[in-house]
C-alpha atoms as a PDB file:
ATOM      1  CA  GLN A   1       0.000   0.000   0.000  1.00  0.00           C
ATOM      2  CA  VAL A   2       1.478   3.301  -1.114  1.00  0.00           C
ATOM      3  CA  GLN A   3       0.710   6.354   0.995  1.00  0.00           C
ATOM      4  CA  LEU A   4       1.482  10.002   0.361  1.00  0.00           C
ATOM      5  CA  VAL A   5       1.412  12.399   3.290  1.00  0.00           C
ATOM      6  CA  GLU A   6       1.569  16.159   2.749  1.00  0.00           C
ATOM      7  CA  SER A   7       2.466  18.847   5.266  1.00  0.00           C
ATOM      8  CA  GLY A   8       3.266  22.536   5.387  1.00  0.00           C
ATOM      9  CA  GLY A   9       0.068  24.295   4.381  1.00  0.00           C
ATOM     10  CA  GLY A  10      -1.368  27.246   6.229  1.00  0.00           C
ATOM     11  CA  LEU A  11      -2.256  30.931   6.136  1.00  0.00           C
ATOM     12  CA  VAL A  12       0.197  33.441   4.710  1.00  0.00           C
ATOM     13  CA  GLN A  13       0.013  37.067   3.649  1.00  0.00           C
ATOM     14  CA  PRO A  14       0.376  38.096   0.010  1.00  0.00           C
ATOM     15  CA  GLY A  15       4.050  38.228  -0.895  1.00  0.00           C
ATOM     16  CA  GLY A  16       4.941  35.653   1.716  1.00  0.00           C
ATOM     17  CA  SER A  17       6.374  32.155   1.418  1.00  0.00           C
ATOM     18  CA  LEU A  18       5.386  28.612   2.332  1.00  0.00           C
ATOM     19  CA  ARG A  19       7.065  25.264   1.868  1.00  0.00           C
ATOM     20  CA  LEU A  20       4.999  22.141   1.249  1.00  0.00           C
ATOM     21  CA  SER A  21       6.400  18.669   1.739  1.00  0.00           C
ATOM     22  CA  CYS A  22       5.192  15.237   0.710  1.00  0.00           C
ATOM     23  CA  ALA A  23       6.543  11.858   1.746  1.00  0.00           C
ATOM     24  CA  ALA A  24       5.654   8.677  -0.122  1.00  0.00           C
ATOM     25  CA  SER A  25       5.900   5.306   1.596  1.00  0.00           C
ATOM     26  CA  GLY A  26       5.337   1.754   0.436  1.00  0.00           C
ATOM     27  CA  SER A  27       6.496  -0.215  -2.575  1.00  0.00           C
ATOM     28  CA  ILE A  28       7.331   2.326  -5.284  1.00  0.00           C
ATOM     29  CA  SER A  29       9.143   1.791  -8.555  1.00  0.00           C
ATOM     30  CA  SER A  30      12.300   3.788  -9.159  1.00  0.00           C
ATOM     31  CA  SER A  31      10.781   5.047 -12.414  1.00  0.00           C
ATOM     32  CA  ASN A  32       8.253   7.590 -11.271  1.00  0.00           C
ATOM     33  CA  LEU A  33       7.086  11.174 -11.482  1.00  0.00           C
ATOM     34  CA  MET A  34       6.068  13.270  -8.499  1.00  0.00           C
ATOM     35  CA  ALA A  35       3.899  16.327  -8.824  1.00  0.00           C
ATOM     36  CA  TRP A  36       1.902  18.997  -7.066  1.00  0.00           C
ATOM     37  CA  TYR A  37      -1.612  19.895  -8.130  1.00  0.00           C
ATOM     38  CA  ARG A  38      -4.022  22.399  -6.640  1.00  0.00           C
ATOM     39  CA  GLN A  39      -7.766  22.810  -6.589  1.00  0.00           C
ATOM     40  CA  ASP A  40      -9.956  25.715  -5.657  1.00  0.00           C
ATOM     41  CA  PRO A  41     -13.567  24.914  -4.664  1.00  0.00           C
ATOM     42  CA  GLY A  42     -15.750  24.860  -7.750  1.00  0.00           C
ATOM     43  CA  LYS A  43     -12.790  24.614 -10.114  1.00  0.00           C
ATOM     44  CA  GLU A  44     -10.949  21.769 -11.779  1.00  0.00           C
ATOM     45  CA  ARG A  45      -7.736  20.435 -10.289  1.00  0.00           C
ATOM     46  CA  GLU A  46      -4.770  22.043 -12.033  1.00  0.00           C
ATOM     47  CA  LEU A  47      -1.167  20.969 -12.393  1.00  0.00           C
ATOM     48  CA  VAL A  48       1.332  23.158 -10.560  1.00  0.00           C
ATOM     49  CA  ALA A  49       4.681  21.420 -11.042  1.00  0.00           C
ATOM     50  CA  THR A  50       6.235  18.027 -11.744  1.00  0.00           C
ATOM     51  CA  ILE A  51       9.617  16.456 -11.140  1.00  0.00           C
ATOM     52  CA  THR A  52      11.029  13.213 -12.519  1.00  0.00           C
ATOM     53  CA  SER A  53      13.040  10.673 -10.568  1.00  0.00           C
ATOM     54  CA  ASN A  54      16.122  12.192 -12.231  1.00  0.00           C
ATOM     55  CA  GLY A  55      15.220  15.702 -11.095  1.00  0.00           C
ATOM     56  CA  GLY A  56      13.811  17.160 -14.307  1.00  0.00           C
ATOM     57  CA  ALA A  57      11.201  19.797 -13.409  1.00  0.00           C
ATOM     58  CA  TYR A  58       8.220  21.377 -15.145  1.00  0.00           C
ATOM     59  CA  TYR A  59       6.156  24.347 -13.963  1.00  0.00           C
ATOM     60  CA  ALA A  60       2.799  25.792 -14.875  1.00  0.00           C
ATOM     61  CA  GLU A  61       3.137  29.284 -16.335  1.00  0.00           C
ATOM     62  CA  SER A  62       1.191  30.758 -13.430  1.00  0.00           C
ATOM     63  CA  VAL A  63       3.874  29.715 -10.902  1.00  0.00           C
ATOM     64  CA  LYS A  64       7.065  29.819 -12.974  1.00  0.00           C
ATOM     65  CA  GLY A  65       9.727  31.924 -11.278  1.00  0.00           C
ATOM     66  CA  ARG A  66       7.912  31.858  -7.933  1.00  0.00           C
ATOM     67  CA  PHE A  67       7.662  28.146  -7.052  1.00  0.00           C
ATOM     68  CA  THR A  68      10.435  25.564  -6.904  1.00  0.00           C
ATOM     69  CA  ILE A  69       9.858  21.811  -6.821  1.00  0.00           C
ATOM     70  CA  SER A  70      12.569  19.503  -5.512  1.00  0.00           C
ATOM     71  CA  ARG A  71      13.064  15.922  -4.487  1.00  0.00           C
ATOM     72  CA  GLY A  72      14.644  15.010  -1.214  1.00  0.00           C
ATOM     73  CA  ASN A  73      16.596  12.174   0.287  1.00  0.00           C
ATOM     74  CA  PRO A  74      15.163   9.576   0.191  1.00  0.00           C
ATOM     75  CA  ARG A  75      14.029  10.239  -3.363  1.00  0.00           C
ATOM     76  CA  ASN A  76      10.393   9.521  -2.596  1.00  0.00           C
ATOM     77  CA  THR A  77       9.936  12.878  -0.938  1.00  0.00           C
ATOM     78  CA  VAL A  78       9.042  16.039  -2.783  1.00  0.00           C
ATOM     79  CA  SER A  79       8.843  19.655  -1.683  1.00  0.00           C
ATOM     80  CA  LEU A  80       7.314  22.768  -3.157  1.00  0.00           C
ATOM     81  CA  GLN A  81       8.867  26.071  -2.135  1.00  0.00           C
ATOM     82  CA  MET A  82       6.337  28.802  -2.802  1.00  0.00           C
ATOM     83  CA  ASN A  83       7.533  32.418  -2.814  1.00  0.00           C
ATOM     84  CA  SER A  84       5.828  35.697  -3.690  1.00  0.00           C
ATOM     85  CA  LEU A  85       2.468  34.138  -2.964  1.00  0.00           C
ATOM     86  CA  LYS A  86      -0.662  35.723  -4.397  1.00  0.00           C
ATOM     87  CA  SER A  87      -4.293  35.458  -3.372  1.00  0.00           C
ATOM     88  CA  GLU A  88      -4.942  33.392  -6.486  1.00  0.00           C
ATOM     89  CA  ASP A  89      -2.571  30.734  -5.137  1.00  0.00           C
ATOM     90  CA  THR A  90      -5.156  29.932  -2.472  1.00  0.00           C
ATOM     91  CA  ALA A  91      -6.240  26.310  -2.927  1.00  0.00           C
ATOM     92  CA  VAL A  92      -5.957  22.792  -1.600  1.00  0.00           C
ATOM     93  CA  TYR A  93      -2.601  21.437  -2.761  1.00  0.00           C
ATOM     94  CA  TYR A  94      -2.263  17.744  -3.561  1.00  0.00           C
ATOM     95  CA  CYS A  95       0.856  15.658  -3.970  1.00  0.00           C
ATOM     96  CA  SER A  96       0.831  12.841  -6.512  1.00  0.00           C
ATOM     97  CA  LEU A  97       3.127  10.031  -7.594  1.00  0.00           C
ATOM     98  CA  ASP A  98       2.929   8.335 -11.007  1.00  0.00           C
ATOM     99  CA  ASP A  99       4.458   4.871 -10.783  1.00  0.00           C
ATOM    100  CA  PHE A 100       5.320   4.110 -14.421  1.00  0.00           C
ATOM    101  CA  ASN A 101       6.066   0.424 -13.946  1.00  0.00           C
ATOM    102  CA  ARG A 102       2.779  -0.206 -12.148  1.00  0.00           C
ATOM    103  CA  GLN A 103       0.883   2.316 -14.300  1.00  0.00           C
ATOM    104  CA  THR A 104      -0.749   3.703 -11.188  1.00  0.00           C
ATOM    105  CA  THR A 105      -1.173   7.204  -9.792  1.00  0.00           C
ATOM    106  CA  TYR A 106      -1.267   7.759  -6.056  1.00  0.00           C
ATOM    107  CA  TRP A 107      -2.613  10.871  -4.321  1.00  0.00           C
ATOM    108  CA  GLY A 108      -2.136  12.527  -0.977  1.00  0.00           C
ATOM    109  CA  GLN A 109      -4.991  13.846   1.135  1.00  0.00           C
ATOM    110  CA  GLY A 110      -4.300  17.503   0.346  1.00  0.00           C
ATOM    111  CA  THR A 111      -3.126  20.459   2.377  1.00  0.00           C
ATOM    112  CA  HIS A 112      -4.783  23.879   2.513  1.00  0.00           C
ATOM    113  CA  VAL A 113      -2.939  27.011   1.473  1.00  0.00           C
ATOM    114  CA  THR A 114      -4.631  30.351   2.082  1.00  0.00           C
ATOM    115  CA  VAL A 115      -3.045  33.587   0.911  1.00  0.00           C
ATOM    116  CA  SER A 116      -4.816  36.507   2.509  1.00  0.00           C
ATOM    117  CA  SER A 117      -4.117  39.711   4.376  1.00  0.00           C
END
């Protein structure tokens, strides 16, 4: 059973910073992709950033230059450093892991981020 546990959400003022973390446990293939998504109530879940097992990163245009995704040690941890936060970044942030060998996507439970003065 693979589990993803997120942490680090909270309330921050516009212009502030937050760091989200996600730890995956269980039997996971070495060939995988970890990602952060976010979802505002009433809207579709949107991709924020992805990172491969080799460290290759991709960012949505809306967060490029402000957010940084990284993988930790062990490699099945992923973080999202969020700087220069805006009110439109307010959402529930979800961590995901695509296990390519098992062709399965796993999701975390989500963590709330609120950007407000």
